[in-house]
Amino acid sequence: MSPLSISQLTEQIRLTLENELEPVYWVVGELADFRQAPQGHVYFELVEKQGNQVLAKIRSNLWQFTYRSVAAKFESVTGTSLKNGMKVLAQVAVNYHPVYGLSINVKDIDPSFSLGERARIRQETINRLTQEGLLRLNARFELPPVVQRIAIVSSATAAGYGDFVNQLDQNRYGYRVDHRLFPSLMQGNEAVASLLSALEKIKAEQEVSRLDAVVIIRGGGAQLDLDCFDDYRLAAAIADFPVPIFTGIGHERDETIADLVAHTRLKTPTAVAEFLLSGFREFEENLGMVLQRLDRSTRQQLREEENRIHQFALRAKALANNRVSLEGESIRNRMSRIESAAKGLLKIQSLNLASVEKGIKSSSASFLHKQQERLENREALLRQLDPESILRRGYTRTELGGIPVHLAKPASGDELLTITPDSRIKSTIIQIDKK
């Protein structure tokens, strides 16, 4: 066996894993060394223990775009965030990199598996939302690969709104996000009604605008200023909204109920903007990886097919030459037999034609003679039936008003016209004797 390069070996390992393993698995493990990078990605290890002894562990990644959704769902259900020492049920995809080795990418975490104690504060509202099936209703929507059309619910004068729009419009990647502001009060006694009104306006225009998401943002504030986001009516409206809703209310305390029922919640408006832009970047990176894999696979397939075509061409050429030689000899033999048969057939047909020609001449003369006799007989018959011929034999024709007299109803005094071969005689009826 010839030796392989390290890259060749790692490529075989990667292909084997891709071909032999399922796309995703559900696994149970304990979070260890859980840390979040500045870019928003989360790195940790999933560990299996027996007592204090580690039986197995594997390096794990939770990318920012997925982490935001998974963490939001987990925290909204359990009332706590993901942290070290927590046992979780995770949906993972096995990944192998030729440099970084084996790892798993976490796609989802089932919060019901590690359900913690719910926060007592706002418990009555949360229980009501849960009983009515509203708590994670908005999370039922699957986000598009990139969120490009959004409605913003905020105060036009809020600093958070300005930061959010500026971060989207001035992003260094040149990504374009179409956005429209639906102004609303964001604190005070009238804030809930104003927020509900803004959401109703967005819902009314959804069929035309075809939004990907709605973003509710503000620039932080005191605890009292955020009480409107714990209101049941607002939470129910967010939960039952026909498109995903993002929140970036700008507070560091535990989530508001609006955060819990929203599809995705982040702490600040700028974090929402970065999250949206990260979706663009992740999509672009994934697309690039897919194109690289497609290019590599296509090149390899083309090389294999070129080799096969070359082998087929050589075999086809040899078979064709042999077949052409055999068919050439067969054709020459057939041509010789055909030529000989044709000469004999031509001779026979020539004799047949001479005989047929003689018969045709004889039958034609007889036919023409018979036809001539028939014509002469019919001509004689027609002469006998000619009215002029009848009149010359002494007969006349008598009419009454242009109608033959035997067809008319003559009466005394009527004028008759008698036609002979040489004259037309008019006469008057004096007497009619019935036969």
Protein backbone atom coordinates (compact mmCIF):
# COMPACT_ATOMS: atom_id res chain seq x y z
CA MET A 1 0.00 0.00 0.00
CA SER A 2 1.41 3.37 -1.03
CA PRO A 3 1.58 5.96 1.78
CA LEU A 4 -0.97 8.79 1.98
CA SER A 5 -0.42 12.41 2.79
CA ILE A 6 -2.02 13.74 5.96
CA SER A 7 -4.50 15.78 3.91
CA GLN A 8 -5.46 12.69 1.91
CA LEU A 9 -6.03 10.71 5.09
CA THR A 10 -8.08 13.47 6.74
CA GLU A 11 -10.14 13.84 3.56
CA GLN A 12 -10.91 10.11 3.64
CA ILE A 13 -11.91 10.43 7.29
CA ARG A 14 -14.18 13.37 6.48
CA LEU A 15 -15.83 11.62 3.54
CA THR A 16 -16.33 8.44 5.58
CA LEU A 17 -18.01 10.38 8.38
CA GLU A 18 -20.23 12.26 5.91
CA ASN A 19 -21.28 9.05 4.14
CA GLU A 20 -21.72 6.77 7.15
CA LEU A 21 -23.23 9.02 9.84
CA GLU A 22 -26.75 10.43 10.00
CA PRO A 23 -27.13 14.19 9.41
CA VAL A 24 -28.07 14.80 13.07
CA TYR A 25 -28.23 12.92 16.38
CA TRP A 26 -29.82 13.63 19.76
CA VAL A 27 -27.26 13.19 22.55
CA VAL A 28 -27.25 13.71 26.32
CA GLY A 29 -24.28 15.34 27.99
CA GLU A 30 -23.07 17.83 30.57
CA LEU A 31 -21.89 21.31 29.61
CA ALA A 32 -18.26 21.92 30.49
CA ASP A 33 -15.89 24.82 29.80
CA PHE A 34 -18.87 26.82 28.46
CA ARG A 35 -17.70 30.16 27.05
CA GLN A 36 -18.95 32.75 24.57
CA ALA A 37 -16.52 34.36 22.12
CA PRO A 38 -16.66 38.10 21.33
CA GLN A 39 -18.18 37.27 17.94
CA GLY A 40 -21.14 35.65 19.68
CA HIS A 41 -20.22 32.01 19.02
CA VAL A 42 -20.24 29.59 21.98
CA TYR A 43 -17.59 26.92 22.53
CA PHE A 44 -17.81 24.14 25.12
CA GLU A 45 -17.43 20.42 25.70
CA LEU A 46 -20.20 17.86 26.07
CA VAL A 47 -19.11 15.41 28.76
CA GLU A 48 -20.39 12.02 29.92
CA LYS A 49 -19.55 11.24 33.52
CA GLN A 50 -19.93 8.37 35.94
CA GLY A 51 -19.64 9.95 39.31
CA ASN A 52 -16.56 12.16 39.08
CA GLN A 53 -15.01 10.06 36.34
CA VAL A 54 -15.19 11.38 32.77
CA LEU A 55 -16.19 8.55 30.46
CA ALA A 56 -16.23 10.55 27.23
CA LYS A 57 -16.17 14.11 25.99
CA ILE A 58 -16.30 15.89 22.66
CA ARG A 59 -15.56 19.44 21.54
CA SER A 60 -18.75 21.33 20.68
CA ASN A 61 -19.67 24.50 18.82
CA LEU A 62 -22.85 26.57 18.93
CA TRP A 63 -22.72 29.24 16.23
CA GLN A 64 -24.07 32.71 16.98
CA PHE A 65 -27.09 32.60 14.67
CA THR A 66 -28.18 29.26 16.12
CA TYR A 67 -27.16 30.14 19.71
CA ARG A 68 -29.43 33.16 19.83
CA SER A 69 -32.45 31.06 18.92
CA VAL A 70 -31.52 28.06 21.09
CA ALA A 71 -30.63 30.15 24.13
CA ALA A 72 -33.79 32.22 23.82
CA LYS A 73 -35.96 29.12 23.70
CA PHE A 74 -34.08 27.47 26.55
CA GLU A 75 -34.17 30.44 28.86
CA SER A 76 -37.79 31.26 28.11
CA VAL A 77 -38.88 27.74 29.07
CA THR A 78 -36.52 27.00 31.96
CA GLY A 79 -36.09 30.50 33.35
CA THR A 80 -32.31 30.09 33.38
CA SER A 81 -29.46 30.37 30.90
CA LEU A 82 -27.15 27.66 29.64
CA LYS A 83 -24.14 27.25 31.93
CA ASN A 84 -21.42 24.86 33.09
CA GLY A 85 -22.54 21.71 34.86
CA MET A 86 -25.98 21.67 33.24
CA LYS A 87 -27.11 18.40 31.70
CA VAL A 88 -28.80 18.90 28.34
CA LEU A 89 -30.40 16.97 25.47
CA ALA A 90 -28.84 18.40 22.32
CA GLN A 91 -29.37 17.84 18.61
CA VAL A 92 -25.91 17.70 17.01
CA ALA A 93 -24.24 17.20 13.65
CA VAL A 94 -20.82 15.52 13.58
CA ASN A 95 -18.14 17.63 11.90
CA TYR A 96 -14.55 16.82 11.01
CA HIS A 97 -11.98 19.46 10.04
CA PRO A 98 -8.56 18.48 8.68
CA VAL A 99 -6.86 21.00 11.01
CA TYR A 100 -9.13 21.23 14.05
CA GLY A 101 -10.18 17.60 14.12
CA LEU A 102 -13.47 16.08 15.29
CA SER A 103 -16.21 18.22 16.82
CA ILE A 104 -19.97 18.56 16.85
CA ASN A 105 -22.12 21.50 15.81
CA VAL A 106 -25.11 21.93 18.12
CA LYS A 107 -28.31 22.59 16.16
CA ASP A 108 -30.85 22.62 19.00
CA ILE A 109 -31.23 22.00 22.74
CA ASP A 110 -34.43 20.59 24.20
CA PRO A 111 -35.25 22.84 27.18
CA SER A 112 -37.81 20.41 28.61
CA PHE A 113 -35.00 17.95 29.36
CA SER A 114 -33.29 20.31 31.79
CA LEU A 115 -36.29 22.33 32.84
CA GLY A 116 -35.41 24.44 35.85
CA GLU A 117 -37.47 26.28 38.38
CA ARG A 118 -39.52 28.99 36.76
CA ALA A 119 -39.04 32.50 37.96
CA ARG A 120 -41.69 33.36 40.53
CA ILE A 121 -41.97 36.95 39.39
CA ARG A 122 -44.55 37.32 36.59
CA GLN A 123 -45.50 33.67 37.24
CA GLU A 124 -49.23 34.16 36.90
CA THR A 125 -48.89 35.78 33.45
CA ILE A 126 -46.35 33.21 32.31
CA ASN A 127 -48.59 30.34 33.48
CA ARG A 128 -51.53 31.83 31.65
CA LEU A 129 -49.53 32.17 28.45
CA THR A 130 -48.32 28.62 28.82
CA GLN A 131 -51.78 27.19 29.45
CA GLU A 132 -53.06 29.00 26.36
CA GLY A 133 -50.20 27.70 24.23
CA LEU A 134 -48.80 31.16 23.59
CA LEU A 135 -45.45 31.18 25.34
CA ARG A 136 -43.44 29.83 22.39
CA LEU A 137 -46.06 30.21 19.70
CA ASN A 138 -44.10 32.87 17.83
CA ALA A 139 -41.05 30.60 17.84
CA ARG A 140 -42.91 28.20 15.52
CA PHE A 141 -41.71 30.23 12.54
CA GLU A 142 -38.53 29.16 10.83
CA LEU A 143 -36.35 32.12 10.04
CA PRO A 144 -35.28 32.56 6.43
CA PRO A 145 -31.56 32.14 5.76
CA VAL A 146 -31.29 35.93 5.73
CA VAL A 147 -33.76 38.42 7.22
CA GLN A 148 -34.05 41.21 4.64
CA ARG A 149 -37.45 42.90 5.16
CA ILE A 150 -38.30 44.11 8.67
CA ALA A 151 -40.73 46.42 10.42
CA ILE A 152 -39.36 48.35 13.41
CA VAL A 153 -41.49 49.19 16.43
CA SER A 154 -39.77 51.94 18.38
CA SER A 155 -39.80 55.60 19.20
CA ALA A 156 -38.44 57.67 16.35
CA THR A 157 -36.43 59.74 18.81
CA ALA A 158 -34.96 56.83 20.75
CA ALA A 159 -31.20 56.61 20.67
CA GLY A 160 -31.45 52.84 20.34
CA TYR A 161 -33.46 53.22 17.15
CA GLY A 162 -30.84 55.51 15.61
CA ASP A 163 -28.01 53.15 16.55
CA PHE A 164 -29.93 50.18 15.15
CA VAL A 165 -30.68 51.80 11.78
CA ASN A 166 -27.17 53.18 11.45
CA GLN A 167 -25.62 49.77 12.15
CA LEU A 168 -27.81 48.14 9.49
CA ASP A 169 -27.38 50.82 6.82
CA GLN A 170 -23.65 51.38 7.36
CA ASN A 171 -22.56 47.76 7.75
CA ARG A 172 -19.12 47.16 6.25
CA TYR A 173 -20.25 44.13 4.26
CA GLY A 174 -22.68 46.09 2.11
CA TYR A 175 -25.66 43.92 3.09
CA ARG A 176 -29.03 45.57 2.50
CA VAL A 177 -31.90 45.30 4.96
CA ASP A 178 -35.16 46.98 3.99
CA HIS A 179 -36.75 48.50 7.09
CA ARG A 180 -39.70 50.72 7.98
CA LEU A 181 -40.47 52.39 11.29
CA PHE A 182 -43.89 52.04 12.95
CA PRO A 183 -43.63 54.65 15.74
CA SER A 184 -44.81 53.76 19.24
CA LEU A 185 -44.51 54.91 22.83
CA MET A 186 -42.02 52.67 24.61
CA GLN A 187 -42.80 53.52 28.25
CA GLY A 188 -45.58 54.94 30.38
CA ASN A 189 -49.25 54.17 30.88
CA GLU A 190 -50.09 54.47 27.18
CA ALA A 191 -47.17 52.37 25.96
CA VAL A 192 -49.08 49.06 25.78
CA ALA A 193 -51.91 50.53 23.72
CA SER A 194 -49.41 52.28 21.44
CA LEU A 195 -47.39 49.09 20.95
CA LEU A 196 -50.53 47.09 20.18
CA SER A 197 -51.64 49.72 17.66
CA ALA A 198 -48.26 49.57 15.89
CA LEU A 199 -48.44 45.77 15.69
CA GLU A 200 -51.97 45.95 14.25
CA LYS A 201 -50.82 48.37 11.55
CA ILE A 202 -47.98 46.02 10.62
CA LYS A 203 -50.33 43.03 10.51
CA ALA A 204 -52.74 44.93 8.23
CA GLU A 205 -49.95 45.62 5.73
CA GLN A 206 -48.29 42.21 5.93
CA GLU A 207 -49.89 40.79 2.78
CA VAL A 208 -48.41 43.65 0.76
CA SER A 209 -45.08 44.17 2.53
CA ARG A 210 -44.27 40.41 2.97
CA LEU A 211 -42.09 41.00 6.03
CA ASP A 212 -39.48 38.53 7.23
CA ALA A 213 -39.60 39.78 10.84
CA VAL A 214 -40.68 42.55 13.22
CA VAL A 215 -38.13 44.17 15.57
CA ILE A 216 -39.17 45.80 18.85
CA ILE A 217 -36.32 47.96 20.18
CA ARG A 218 -35.64 50.74 22.66
CA GLY A 219 -32.58 52.17 24.37
CA GLY A 220 -32.84 50.61 27.80
CA GLY A 221 -34.24 52.38 30.84
CA ALA A 222 -35.19 51.93 34.46
CA GLN A 223 -37.07 48.86 35.68
CA LEU A 224 -40.28 50.82 36.00
CA ASP A 225 -39.99 52.02 32.41
CA LEU A 226 -40.00 48.42 31.18
CA ASP A 227 -43.14 47.24 32.98
CA CYS A 228 -45.21 47.60 29.80
CA PHE A 229 -43.25 44.70 28.29
CA ASP A 230 -44.60 42.38 31.02
CA ASP A 231 -48.22 43.08 30.02
CA TYR A 232 -50.29 40.03 29.07
CA ARG A 233 -52.04 41.75 26.15
CA LEU A 234 -48.75 42.72 24.54
CA ALA A 235 -47.26 39.27 25.17
CA ALA A 236 -50.30 37.55 23.63
CA ALA A 237 -50.14 39.84 20.58
CA ILE A 238 -46.45 39.11 20.10
CA ALA A 239 -46.95 35.35 20.54
CA ASP A 240 -49.80 35.20 18.01
CA PHE A 241 -48.19 37.52 15.47
CA PRO A 242 -48.01 36.06 11.92
CA VAL A 243 -44.26 36.71 11.49
CA PRO A 244 -41.25 36.25 13.81
CA ILE A 245 -40.70 39.05 16.33
CA PHE A 246 -37.27 40.08 17.65
CA THR A 247 -36.81 42.08 20.84
CA GLY A 248 -33.87 44.29 21.76
CA ILE A 249 -35.23 46.30 24.63
CA GLY A 250 -31.83 47.20 26.06
CA HIS A 251 -31.81 45.95 29.65
CA GLU A 252 -29.43 43.80 31.65
CA ARG A 253 -31.92 42.28 34.11
CA ASP A 254 -33.84 39.05 33.49
CA GLU A 255 -36.00 38.99 30.41
CA THR A 256 -39.35 40.69 30.21
CA ILE A 257 -42.32 38.56 29.26
CA ALA A 258 -42.18 40.19 25.82
CA ASP A 259 -38.70 38.68 25.50
CA LEU A 260 -40.01 35.27 26.55
CA VAL A 261 -42.77 35.11 23.95
CA ALA A 262 -40.73 36.69 21.15
CA HIS A 263 -39.18 34.49 18.50
CA THR A 264 -35.68 35.80 19.26
CA ARG A 265 -34.63 38.23 21.98
CA LEU A 266 -31.37 40.07 22.38
CA LYS A 267 -30.30 42.57 24.99
CA THR A 268 -29.81 45.72 22.89
CA PRO A 269 -30.85 47.17 19.53
CA THR A 270 -27.26 46.95 18.30
CA ALA A 271 -27.22 43.27 19.28
CA VAL A 272 -30.34 42.72 17.15
CA ALA A 273 -28.66 44.48 14.22
CA GLU A 274 -25.51 42.38 14.64
CA PHE A 275 -27.62 39.23 14.85
CA LEU A 276 -29.39 40.08 11.58
CA LEU A 277 -26.09 40.85 9.87
CA SER A 278 -24.54 37.66 11.24
CA GLY A 279 -27.27 35.74 9.44
CA PHE A 280 -26.09 37.28 6.17
CA ARG A 281 -22.47 36.40 6.95
CA GLU A 282 -23.28 32.84 8.00
CA PHE A 283 -25.37 32.32 4.88
CA GLU A 284 -22.57 33.70 2.73
CA GLU A 285 -20.01 31.47 4.47
CA ASN A 286 -22.23 28.39 4.16
CA LEU A 287 -22.84 29.19 0.51
CA GLY A 288 -19.10 29.49 -0.03
CA MET A 289 -18.50 26.13 1.66
CA VAL A 290 -21.20 24.49 -0.42
CA LEU A 291 -19.72 25.95 -3.59
CA GLN A 292 -16.26 24.70 -2.60
CA ARG A 293 -17.60 21.21 -1.93
CA LEU A 294 -19.55 21.28 -5.16
CA ASP A 295 -16.49 22.44 -7.08
CA ARG A 296 -14.28 19.78 -5.50
CA SER A 297 -16.86 17.04 -6.05
CA THR A 298 -17.48 18.17 -9.61
CA ARG A 299 -13.78 18.21 -10.46
CA GLN A 300 -13.30 14.74 -9.03
CA GLN A 301 -16.36 13.43 -10.87
CA LEU A 302 -15.15 15.01 -14.11
CA ARG A 303 -11.74 13.35 -13.75
CA GLU A 304 -13.34 9.97 -13.14
CA GLU A 305 -15.71 10.40 -16.05
CA GLU A 306 -12.88 11.54 -18.34
CA ASN A 307 -10.97 8.35 -17.51
CA ARG A 308 -14.04 6.23 -18.16
CA ILE A 309 -14.74 8.02 -21.43
CA HIS A 310 -11.12 7.51 -22.53
CA GLN A 311 -11.33 3.77 -21.80
CA PHE A 312 -14.68 3.53 -23.59
CA ALA A 313 -13.26 5.45 -26.55
CA LEU A 314 -10.34 3.01 -26.91
CA ARG A 315 -12.63 -0.01 -26.69
CA ALA A 316 -15.16 1.53 -29.03
CA LYS A 317 -12.47 2.36 -31.58
CA ALA A 318 -11.12 -1.20 -31.59
CA LEU A 319 -14.58 -2.72 -31.80
CA ALA A 320 -15.58 -0.28 -34.53
CA ASN A 321 -12.52 -1.05 -36.67
CA ASN A 322 -13.15 -4.77 -36.36
CA ARG A 323 -16.84 -4.38 -37.10
CA VAL A 324 -16.19 -2.10 -40.08
CA SER A 325 -13.81 -4.67 -41.57
CA LEU A 326 -16.34 -7.49 -41.13
CA GLU A 327 -19.21 -5.41 -42.46
CA GLY A 328 -17.12 -4.32 -45.47
CA GLU A 329 -16.49 -7.91 -46.45
CA SER A 330 -20.15 -8.77 -45.88
CA ILE A 331 -21.24 -5.82 -48.02
CA ARG A 332 -18.95 -6.83 -50.88
CA ASN A 333 -20.36 -10.36 -50.82
CA ARG A 334 -23.89 -9.07 -50.79
CA MET A 335 -23.18 -6.64 -53.62
CA SER A 336 -21.86 -9.49 -55.74
CA ARG A 337 -24.95 -11.62 -55.05
CA ILE A 338 -27.27 -8.68 -55.66
CA GLU A 339 -25.58 -7.82 -58.93
CA SER A 340 -25.88 -11.41 -60.19
CA ALA A 341 -29.49 -11.69 -59.04
CA ALA A 342 -30.35 -8.32 -60.56
CA LYS A 343 -29.03 -9.32 -63.97
CA GLY A 344 -31.10 -12.53 -63.95
CA LEU A 345 -34.17 -10.69 -62.72
CA LEU A 346 -33.77 -7.98 -65.39
CA LYS A 347 -33.60 -10.62 -68.09
CA ILE A 348 -36.74 -12.37 -66.81
CA GLN A 349 -38.59 -9.07 -66.45
CA SER A 350 -37.57 -8.04 -69.97
CA LEU A 351 -39.16 -11.21 -71.35
CA ASN A 352 -42.24 -10.66 -69.22
CA LEU A 353 -42.53 -7.07 -70.47
CA ALA A 354 -42.33 -8.19 -74.11
CA SER A 355 -45.07 -10.74 -73.53
CA VAL A 356 -47.22 -8.19 -71.66
CA GLU A 357 -46.66 -5.62 -74.42
CA LYS A 358 -47.83 -8.08 -77.06
CA GLY A 359 -50.91 -8.96 -75.03
CA ILE A 360 -51.73 -5.28 -74.43
CA LYS A 361 -51.50 -4.48 -78.15
CA SER A 362 -53.80 -7.39 -79.04
CA SER A 363 -56.38 -6.67 -76.32
CA SER A 364 -56.27 -2.92 -77.04
CA ALA A 365 -57.12 -3.43 -80.74
CA SER A 366 -60.01 -5.75 -79.85
CA PHE A 367 -61.29 -3.35 -77.20
CA LEU A 368 -61.17 -0.34 -79.53
CA HIS A 369 -63.08 -2.27 -82.27
CA LYS A 370 -65.84 -3.24 -79.83
CA GLN A 371 -66.12 0.30 -78.54
CA GLN A 372 -66.38 1.64 -82.10
CA GLU A 373 -69.27 -0.71 -82.83
CA ARG A 374 -71.06 0.36 -79.62
CA LEU A 375 -70.70 4.02 -80.54
CA GLU A 376 -72.11 3.44 -84.03
CA ASN A 377 -75.13 1.54 -82.62
CA ARG A 378 -75.88 4.28 -80.08
CA GLU A 379 -75.51 6.95 -82.76
CA ALA A 380 -78.13 5.17 -84.92
CA LEU A 381 -80.47 4.87 -81.93
CA LEU A 382 -80.09 8.56 -81.12
CA ARG A 383 -80.93 9.48 -84.70
CA GLN A 384 -84.16 7.47 -84.48
CA LEU A 385 -85.14 9.25 -81.22
CA ASP A 386 -84.39 12.74 -82.58
CA PRO A 387 -87.72 14.80 -82.62
CA GLU A 388 -86.80 16.17 -86.05
CA SER A 389 -86.59 12.63 -87.37
CA ILE A 390 -90.06 11.83 -85.94
CA LEU A 391 -91.57 14.94 -87.54
CA ARG A 392 -90.08 14.01 -90.94
CA ARG A 393 -91.89 10.70 -90.78
CA GLY A 394 -95.22 12.63 -90.97
CA TYR A 395 -95.88 13.28 -87.30
CA THR A 396 -96.69 16.76 -85.88
CA ARG A 397 -96.56 18.37 -82.42
CA THR A 398 -99.55 20.29 -81.08
CA GLU A 399 -99.33 22.64 -78.03
CA LEU A 400 -101.85 24.65 -76.03
CA GLY A 401 -100.23 27.66 -74.37
CA GLY A 402 -96.76 26.06 -74.71
CA ILE A 403 -97.95 22.79 -73.13
CA PRO A 404 -98.35 19.60 -75.17
CA VAL A 405 -102.04 19.25 -75.96
CA HIS A 406 -102.32 15.82 -74.31
CA LEU A 407 -101.11 17.33 -71.04
CA ALA A 408 -103.32 20.45 -71.23
CA LYS A 409 -107.09 20.78 -70.76
CA PRO A 410 -108.31 22.05 -74.16
CA ALA A 411 -111.71 23.68 -74.56
CA SER A 412 -113.75 24.98 -77.51
CA GLY A 413 -112.41 28.28 -78.73
CA ASP A 414 -108.84 27.68 -77.53
CA GLU A 415 -106.06 28.38 -80.01
CA LEU A 416 -103.72 25.53 -80.85
CA LEU A 417 -100.17 25.65 -82.27
CA THR A 418 -99.24 22.76 -84.57
CA ILE A 419 -95.54 22.26 -85.41
CA THR A 420 -94.36 20.43 -88.58
CA PRO A 421 -90.85 20.07 -89.92
CA ASP A 422 -91.34 23.10 -92.17
CA SER A 423 -94.09 25.24 -90.57
CA ARG A 424 -96.01 26.41 -87.44
CA ILE A 425 -99.82 26.25 -87.87
CA LYS A 426 -102.29 28.06 -85.60
CA SER A 427 -105.90 26.80 -85.40
CA THR A 428 -109.00 27.28 -83.22
CA ILE A 429 -110.85 24.40 -81.50
CA ILE A 430 -114.41 24.18 -82.80
CA GLN A 431 -115.41 20.86 -81.25
CA ILE A 432 -113.95 18.29 -78.89
CA ASP A 433 -115.10 14.70 -79.03
CA LYS A 434 -114.16 12.52 -76.05
CA LYS A 435 -112.64 9.13 -76.92
